[in-house]
Amino acid sequence: MKRAHCQECGTVFYREDDADWKVRCIPCYRKSKRAEPVAKTVVVDNYWAERAAVAESKAAVLQLKVLHLESQVNNLIGQSLRQPPPSRIDRELAEHWRSLVQLVHPDRHGGSQGATKMTQWLNDVKRRLPCD
């Protein structure tokens, strides 16, 4: 145990050797705790307000990134619709279209929505292919 002087009233008190963080005597500590709730509430309110502001700014940044990615995807889709694929890919897709549809058909996957969308997409692609 080592002796220390209270920072507020100057009285001598004892603390453990590794407790350098104790800077007040017990009566001064209790007095500060009684007076602290008003200041503590303000600090807590400011803390949550700051956290909310940070979260809102991060959400705004993420929304901008999502909009940017969506525009890039739409540009890529638009380019692929405007520019027809090479004829070699057309022929290969036309040859394998039936097997691809059989692989992803909703009847084979319990009528899942993903399988339905994939089958619809393959049918749309088949309609756009030049008929041989």
N, C-alpha and C. Protein backbone atom coordinates (compact mmCIF):
# COMPACT_ATOMS: atom_id res chain seq x y z
N MET A 1 0.85 -1.17 0.00
CA MET A 1 0.00 0.00 0.00
C MET A 1 0.89 1.24 0.00
N LYS A 2 0.44 2.20 -0.74
CA LYS A 2 1.23 3.42 -0.78
C LYS A 2 0.34 4.61 -0.48
N ARG A 3 0.94 5.63 0.08
CA ARG A 3 0.21 6.83 0.47
C ARG A 3 0.03 7.73 -0.75
N ALA A 4 -1.11 8.41 -0.78
CA ALA A 4 -1.38 9.36 -1.84
C ALA A 4 -2.17 10.53 -1.27
N HIS A 5 -2.14 11.64 -1.95
CA HIS A 5 -2.89 12.83 -1.54
C HIS A 5 -4.06 13.02 -2.50
N CYS A 6 -5.21 13.30 -1.94
CA CYS A 6 -6.42 13.54 -2.73
C CYS A 6 -6.24 14.80 -3.56
N GLN A 7 -6.61 14.75 -4.82
CA GLN A 7 -6.46 15.91 -5.69
C GLN A 7 -7.45 17.02 -5.35
N GLU A 8 -8.56 16.67 -4.73
CA GLU A 8 -9.58 17.68 -4.44
C GLU A 8 -9.42 18.32 -3.07
N CYS A 9 -9.25 17.49 -2.03
CA CYS A 9 -9.20 18.06 -0.69
C CYS A 9 -7.81 18.00 -0.06
N GLY A 10 -6.90 17.22 -0.61
CA GLY A 10 -5.53 17.16 -0.12
C GLY A 10 -5.30 16.21 1.04
N THR A 11 -6.32 15.49 1.49
CA THR A 11 -6.13 14.55 2.59
C THR A 11 -5.32 13.36 2.12
N VAL A 12 -4.66 12.72 3.08
CA VAL A 12 -3.84 11.55 2.77
C VAL A 12 -4.73 10.32 2.81
N PHE A 13 -4.59 9.45 1.79
CA PHE A 13 -5.29 8.17 1.79
C PHE A 13 -4.34 7.11 1.25
N TYR A 14 -4.70 5.84 1.43
CA TYR A 14 -3.85 4.74 1.00
C TYR A 14 -4.48 4.05 -0.20
N ARG A 15 -3.62 3.66 -1.13
CA ARG A 15 -4.07 2.92 -2.30
C ARG A 15 -3.08 1.81 -2.59
N GLU A 16 -3.49 0.82 -3.36
CA GLU A 16 -2.61 -0.30 -3.72
C GLU A 16 -1.49 0.22 -4.60
N ASP A 17 -0.40 -0.55 -4.66
CA ASP A 17 0.76 -0.12 -5.44
C ASP A 17 0.44 0.02 -6.92
N ASP A 18 -0.42 -0.82 -7.44
CA ASP A 18 -0.70 -0.79 -8.87
C ASP A 18 -1.98 0.01 -9.21
N ALA A 19 -2.50 0.77 -8.25
CA ALA A 19 -3.73 1.53 -8.47
C ALA A 19 -3.42 3.02 -8.59
N ASP A 20 -2.58 3.37 -9.53
CA ASP A 20 -2.22 4.78 -9.73
C ASP A 20 -3.39 5.61 -10.23
N TRP A 21 -4.43 4.97 -10.72
CA TRP A 21 -5.57 5.69 -11.24
C TRP A 21 -6.43 6.29 -10.13
N LYS A 22 -6.25 5.81 -8.86
CA LYS A 22 -7.00 6.36 -7.74
C LYS A 22 -6.37 7.68 -7.33
N VAL A 23 -7.09 8.78 -7.59
CA VAL A 23 -6.53 10.11 -7.31
C VAL A 23 -7.36 10.87 -6.28
N ARG A 24 -8.48 10.30 -5.80
CA ARG A 24 -9.33 10.96 -4.83
C ARG A 24 -9.53 10.07 -3.61
N CYS A 25 -9.78 10.71 -2.49
CA CYS A 25 -10.15 9.95 -1.30
C CYS A 25 -11.60 9.49 -1.47
N ILE A 26 -12.04 8.58 -0.63
CA ILE A 26 -13.38 8.01 -0.77
C ILE A 26 -14.47 9.08 -0.63
N PRO A 27 -14.42 9.97 0.36
CA PRO A 27 -15.48 10.99 0.45
C PRO A 27 -15.55 11.89 -0.80
N CYS A 28 -14.40 12.31 -1.33
CA CYS A 28 -14.41 13.15 -2.54
C CYS A 28 -14.91 12.36 -3.75
N TYR A 29 -14.55 11.07 -3.82
CA TYR A 29 -15.02 10.22 -4.91
C TYR A 29 -16.54 10.11 -4.88
N ARG A 30 -17.11 9.87 -3.68
CA ARG A 30 -18.57 9.76 -3.56
C ARG A 30 -19.25 11.08 -3.91
N LYS A 31 -18.66 12.18 -3.48
CA LYS A 31 -19.23 13.50 -3.78
C LYS A 31 -19.23 13.75 -5.30
N SER A 32 -18.16 13.37 -5.97
CA SER A 32 -18.10 13.56 -7.43
C SER A 32 -19.10 12.66 -8.14
N LYS A 33 -19.33 11.48 -7.59
CA LYS A 33 -20.30 10.57 -8.22
C LYS A 33 -21.72 11.11 -8.09
N ARG A 34 -22.05 11.76 -6.95
CA ARG A 34 -23.37 12.33 -6.78
C ARG A 34 -23.59 13.49 -7.74
N ALA A 35 -22.57 14.25 -8.04
CA ALA A 35 -22.70 15.42 -8.90
C ALA A 35 -22.57 15.06 -10.38
N GLU A 36 -22.13 13.85 -10.67
CA GLU A 36 -21.80 13.47 -12.05
C GLU A 36 -22.97 13.16 -12.96
N PRO A 37 -24.11 12.62 -12.49
CA PRO A 37 -25.14 12.19 -13.44
C PRO A 37 -25.59 13.24 -14.43
N VAL A 38 -25.70 14.49 -14.06
CA VAL A 38 -26.14 15.51 -15.01
C VAL A 38 -25.13 15.65 -16.14
N ALA A 39 -23.85 15.74 -15.79
CA ALA A 39 -22.81 15.86 -16.81
C ALA A 39 -22.71 14.57 -17.61
N LYS A 40 -22.87 13.43 -16.95
CA LYS A 40 -22.76 12.15 -17.64
C LYS A 40 -23.86 11.99 -18.68
N THR A 41 -25.08 12.40 -18.34
CA THR A 41 -26.19 12.29 -19.27
C THR A 41 -25.93 13.11 -20.53
N VAL A 42 -25.37 14.29 -20.36
CA VAL A 42 -25.06 15.13 -21.52
C VAL A 42 -24.02 14.45 -22.39
N VAL A 43 -23.01 13.86 -21.74
CA VAL A 43 -21.96 13.18 -22.50
C VAL A 43 -22.54 11.99 -23.26
N VAL A 44 -23.40 11.22 -22.58
CA VAL A 44 -23.99 10.05 -23.23
C VAL A 44 -24.87 10.49 -24.39
N ASP A 45 -25.69 11.54 -24.18
CA ASP A 45 -26.54 12.02 -25.26
C ASP A 45 -25.70 12.49 -26.45
N ASN A 46 -24.63 13.21 -26.17
CA ASN A 46 -23.75 13.64 -27.26
C ASN A 46 -23.12 12.45 -27.95
N TYR A 47 -22.76 11.45 -27.18
CA TYR A 47 -22.13 10.26 -27.76
C TYR A 47 -23.07 9.61 -28.77
N TRP A 48 -24.32 9.39 -28.37
CA TRP A 48 -25.25 8.71 -29.28
C TRP A 48 -25.62 9.58 -30.45
N ALA A 49 -25.68 10.89 -30.23
CA ALA A 49 -25.96 11.79 -31.34
C ALA A 49 -24.82 11.75 -32.36
N GLU A 50 -23.59 11.73 -31.86
CA GLU A 50 -22.44 11.64 -32.76
C GLU A 50 -22.42 10.30 -33.50
N ARG A 51 -22.72 9.22 -32.78
CA ARG A 51 -22.75 7.89 -33.43
C ARG A 51 -23.83 7.84 -34.51
N ALA A 52 -24.99 8.46 -34.24
CA ALA A 52 -26.06 8.48 -35.23
C ALA A 52 -25.63 9.28 -36.46
N ALA A 53 -24.95 10.40 -36.23
CA ALA A 53 -24.48 11.21 -37.37
C ALA A 53 -23.46 10.44 -38.20
N VAL A 54 -22.56 9.71 -37.54
CA VAL A 54 -21.57 8.91 -38.26
C VAL A 54 -22.26 7.81 -39.06
N ALA A 55 -23.25 7.16 -38.44
CA ALA A 55 -23.97 6.09 -39.14
C ALA A 55 -24.72 6.64 -40.35
N GLU A 56 -25.33 7.81 -40.21
CA GLU A 56 -26.05 8.41 -41.34
C GLU A 56 -25.10 8.76 -42.47
N SER A 57 -23.93 9.28 -42.14
CA SER A 57 -22.98 9.63 -43.20
C SER A 57 -22.47 8.38 -43.90
N LYS A 58 -22.23 7.31 -43.13
CA LYS A 58 -21.79 6.06 -43.77
C LYS A 58 -22.89 5.49 -44.65
N ALA A 59 -24.14 5.60 -44.20
CA ALA A 59 -25.26 5.11 -45.02
C ALA A 59 -25.36 5.91 -46.32
N ALA A 60 -25.14 7.21 -46.24
CA ALA A 60 -25.20 8.04 -47.44
C ALA A 60 -24.10 7.65 -48.42
N VAL A 61 -22.90 7.39 -47.90
CA VAL A 61 -21.79 6.97 -48.77
C VAL A 61 -22.11 5.64 -49.43
N LEU A 62 -22.67 4.70 -48.65
CA LEU A 62 -23.03 3.40 -49.22
C LEU A 62 -24.12 3.53 -50.28
N GLN A 63 -25.09 4.41 -50.05
CA GLN A 63 -26.14 4.61 -51.05
C GLN A 63 -25.56 5.15 -52.35
N LEU A 64 -24.60 6.07 -52.25
CA LEU A 64 -23.95 6.58 -53.45
C LEU A 64 -23.20 5.48 -54.18
N LYS A 65 -22.51 4.62 -53.43
CA LYS A 65 -21.79 3.51 -54.06
C LYS A 65 -22.74 2.56 -54.75
N VAL A 66 -23.89 2.28 -54.12
CA VAL A 66 -24.88 1.39 -54.73
C VAL A 66 -25.41 2.00 -56.02
N LEU A 67 -25.72 3.29 -55.99
CA LEU A 67 -26.21 3.95 -57.21
C LEU A 67 -25.16 3.91 -58.32
N HIS A 68 -23.89 4.10 -57.95
CA HIS A 68 -22.82 4.05 -58.94
C HIS A 68 -22.71 2.65 -59.54
N LEU A 69 -22.75 1.63 -58.68
CA LEU A 69 -22.67 0.25 -59.19
C LEU A 69 -23.88 -0.10 -60.05
N GLU A 70 -25.07 0.36 -59.65
CA GLU A 70 -26.26 0.09 -60.46
C GLU A 70 -26.13 0.74 -61.84
N SER A 71 -25.60 1.96 -61.89
CA SER A 71 -25.44 2.61 -63.19
C SER A 71 -24.42 1.88 -64.05
N GLN A 72 -23.35 1.37 -63.42
CA GLN A 72 -22.37 0.60 -64.19
C GLN A 72 -22.99 -0.68 -64.73
N VAL A 73 -23.78 -1.36 -63.91
CA VAL A 73 -24.43 -2.60 -64.37
C VAL A 73 -25.40 -2.30 -65.49
N ASN A 74 -26.18 -1.24 -65.35
CA ASN A 74 -27.12 -0.87 -66.41
C ASN A 74 -26.39 -0.51 -67.70
N ASN A 75 -25.24 0.16 -67.59
CA ASN A 75 -24.46 0.48 -68.79
C ASN A 75 -23.97 -0.79 -69.46
N LEU A 76 -23.50 -1.75 -68.65
CA LEU A 76 -23.03 -3.01 -69.23
C LEU A 76 -24.17 -3.78 -69.89
N ILE A 77 -25.33 -3.80 -69.24
CA ILE A 77 -26.48 -4.49 -69.83
C ILE A 77 -26.89 -3.80 -71.11
N GLY A 78 -26.92 -2.48 -71.10
CA GLY A 78 -27.29 -1.72 -72.30
C GLY A 78 -26.33 -1.96 -73.44
N GLN A 79 -25.03 -2.04 -73.14
CA GLN A 79 -24.04 -2.31 -74.18
C GLN A 79 -24.22 -3.71 -74.74
N SER A 80 -24.51 -4.68 -73.86
CA SER A 80 -24.66 -6.04 -74.36
C SER A 80 -25.92 -6.19 -75.20
N LEU A 81 -26.96 -5.39 -74.91
CA LEU A 81 -28.17 -5.46 -75.72
C LEU A 81 -28.00 -4.74 -77.05
N ARG A 82 -27.20 -3.66 -77.07
CA ARG A 82 -26.99 -2.93 -78.31
C ARG A 82 -26.03 -3.65 -79.25
N GLN A 83 -25.03 -4.30 -78.68
CA GLN A 83 -24.04 -4.96 -79.51
C GLN A 83 -24.33 -6.47 -79.53
N PRO A 84 -24.69 -7.01 -80.67
CA PRO A 84 -24.98 -8.44 -80.70
C PRO A 84 -23.70 -9.24 -80.45
N PRO A 85 -23.83 -10.38 -79.79
CA PRO A 85 -22.65 -11.20 -79.52
C PRO A 85 -22.09 -11.77 -80.81
N PRO A 86 -20.85 -12.18 -80.79
CA PRO A 86 -20.26 -12.78 -81.99
C PRO A 86 -21.04 -14.01 -82.44
N SER A 87 -20.98 -14.28 -83.73
CA SER A 87 -21.79 -15.36 -84.29
C SER A 87 -21.39 -16.73 -83.74
N ARG A 88 -20.12 -16.92 -83.39
CA ARG A 88 -19.68 -18.20 -82.84
C ARG A 88 -20.40 -18.47 -81.51
N ILE A 89 -20.53 -17.44 -80.68
CA ILE A 89 -21.22 -17.60 -79.40
C ILE A 89 -22.71 -17.85 -79.66
N ASP A 90 -23.26 -17.19 -80.67
CA ASP A 90 -24.67 -17.41 -81.02
C ASP A 90 -24.91 -18.87 -81.36
N ARG A 91 -24.04 -19.41 -82.20
CA ARG A 91 -24.22 -20.81 -82.62
C ARG A 91 -24.07 -21.77 -81.46
N GLU A 92 -23.04 -21.53 -80.60
CA GLU A 92 -22.82 -22.43 -79.46
C GLU A 92 -23.99 -22.36 -78.48
N LEU A 93 -24.49 -21.17 -78.23
CA LEU A 93 -25.62 -21.04 -77.32
C LEU A 93 -26.86 -21.69 -77.90
N ALA A 94 -27.07 -21.51 -79.21
CA ALA A 94 -28.23 -22.14 -79.86
C ALA A 94 -28.12 -23.65 -79.78
N GLU A 95 -26.90 -24.19 -79.93
CA GLU A 95 -26.72 -25.64 -79.87
C GLU A 95 -26.97 -26.18 -78.47
N HIS A 96 -26.55 -25.43 -77.46
CA HIS A 96 -26.63 -25.93 -76.09
C HIS A 96 -27.82 -25.35 -75.32
N TRP A 97 -28.65 -24.60 -75.99
CA TRP A 97 -29.77 -23.96 -75.31
C TRP A 97 -30.68 -24.97 -74.63
N ARG A 98 -31.02 -26.02 -75.32
CA ARG A 98 -31.94 -27.03 -74.77
C ARG A 98 -31.36 -27.67 -73.51
N SER A 99 -30.06 -28.01 -73.53
CA SER A 99 -29.47 -28.63 -72.34
C SER A 99 -29.38 -27.64 -71.19
N LEU A 100 -29.12 -26.36 -71.50
CA LEU A 100 -29.08 -25.35 -70.45
C LEU A 100 -30.45 -25.17 -69.80
N VAL A 101 -31.49 -25.14 -70.62
CA VAL A 101 -32.85 -24.99 -70.09
C VAL A 101 -33.20 -26.20 -69.23
N GLN A 102 -32.81 -27.39 -69.67
CA GLN A 102 -33.09 -28.58 -68.87
C GLN A 102 -32.37 -28.55 -67.53
N LEU A 103 -31.18 -27.97 -67.51
CA LEU A 103 -30.43 -27.88 -66.25
C LEU A 103 -31.09 -26.95 -65.24
N VAL A 104 -31.62 -25.83 -65.70
CA VAL A 104 -32.13 -24.82 -64.79
C VAL A 104 -33.65 -24.77 -64.73
N HIS A 105 -34.34 -25.69 -65.34
CA HIS A 105 -35.80 -25.65 -65.40
C HIS A 105 -36.39 -25.70 -63.99
N PRO A 106 -37.44 -24.91 -63.73
CA PRO A 106 -38.04 -24.87 -62.39
C PRO A 106 -38.58 -26.22 -61.92
N ASP A 107 -39.00 -27.07 -62.84
CA ASP A 107 -39.51 -28.38 -62.44
C ASP A 107 -38.43 -29.23 -61.76
N ARG A 108 -37.18 -28.99 -62.14
CA ARG A 108 -36.08 -29.75 -61.53
C ARG A 108 -35.63 -29.15 -60.21
N HIS A 109 -36.07 -27.92 -59.91
CA HIS A 109 -35.61 -27.22 -58.71
C HIS A 109 -36.78 -26.82 -57.80
N GLY A 110 -37.83 -27.59 -57.81
CA GLY A 110 -38.95 -27.35 -56.91
C GLY A 110 -39.68 -26.05 -57.15
N GLY A 111 -39.67 -25.56 -58.37
CA GLY A 111 -40.38 -24.34 -58.72
C GLY A 111 -39.77 -23.08 -58.11
N SER A 112 -38.44 -23.09 -57.86
CA SER A 112 -37.81 -21.93 -57.23
C SER A 112 -37.85 -20.71 -58.15
N GLN A 113 -37.86 -19.54 -57.54
CA GLN A 113 -37.93 -18.31 -58.32
C GLN A 113 -36.65 -18.09 -59.12
N GLY A 114 -35.51 -18.48 -58.56
CA GLY A 114 -34.25 -18.32 -59.27
C GLY A 114 -34.22 -19.14 -60.55
N ALA A 115 -34.72 -20.37 -60.47
CA ALA A 115 -34.76 -21.21 -61.67
C ALA A 115 -35.72 -20.65 -62.70
N THR A 116 -36.83 -20.11 -62.24
CA THR A 116 -37.79 -19.51 -63.17
C THR A 116 -37.17 -18.32 -63.89
N LYS A 117 -36.50 -17.45 -63.14
CA LYS A 117 -35.88 -16.28 -63.76
C LYS A 117 -34.79 -16.69 -64.75
N MET A 118 -34.01 -17.69 -64.40
CA MET A 118 -32.94 -18.14 -65.30
C MET A 118 -33.53 -18.73 -66.58
N THR A 119 -34.60 -19.51 -66.46
CA THR A 119 -35.24 -20.08 -67.65
C THR A 119 -35.83 -18.97 -68.52
N GLN A 120 -36.45 -17.97 -67.90
CA GLN A 120 -36.98 -16.85 -68.68
C GLN A 120 -35.86 -16.11 -69.39
N TRP A 121 -34.75 -15.93 -68.72
CA TRP A 121 -33.61 -15.24 -69.34
C TRP A 121 -33.09 -16.04 -70.54
N LEU A 122 -32.96 -17.36 -70.38
CA LEU A 122 -32.49 -18.19 -71.50
C LEU A 122 -33.47 -18.12 -72.67
N ASN A 123 -34.78 -18.09 -72.38
CA ASN A 123 -35.76 -17.98 -73.46
C ASN A 123 -35.66 -16.63 -74.17
N ASP A 124 -35.43 -15.56 -73.39
CA ASP A 124 -35.25 -14.24 -74.01
C ASP A 124 -34.02 -14.22 -74.91
N VAL A 125 -32.94 -14.82 -74.43
CA VAL A 125 -31.71 -14.87 -75.23
C VAL A 125 -31.95 -15.67 -76.50
N LYS A 126 -32.67 -16.77 -76.40
CA LYS A 126 -32.97 -17.61 -77.56
C LYS A 126 -33.77 -16.82 -78.61
N ARG A 127 -34.72 -15.99 -78.16
CA ARG A 127 -35.51 -15.19 -79.09
C ARG A 127 -34.66 -14.16 -79.82
N ARG A 128 -33.62 -13.63 -79.15
CA ARG A 128 -32.77 -12.62 -79.77
C ARG A 128 -31.75 -13.22 -80.72
N LEU A 129 -31.51 -14.53 -80.61
CA LEU A 129 -30.51 -15.16 -81.47
C LEU A 129 -31.04 -15.24 -82.91
N PRO A 130 -30.13 -15.05 -83.85
CA PRO A 130 -30.58 -15.20 -85.25
C PRO A 130 -30.90 -16.68 -85.54
N CYS A 131 -32.03 -16.89 -86.17
CA CYS A 131 -32.42 -18.27 -86.47
C CYS A 131 -31.65 -18.76 -87.68
N ASP A 132 -31.14 -19.98 -87.57
CA ASP A 132 -30.38 -20.56 -88.70
C ASP A 132 -31.29 -21.37 -89.57
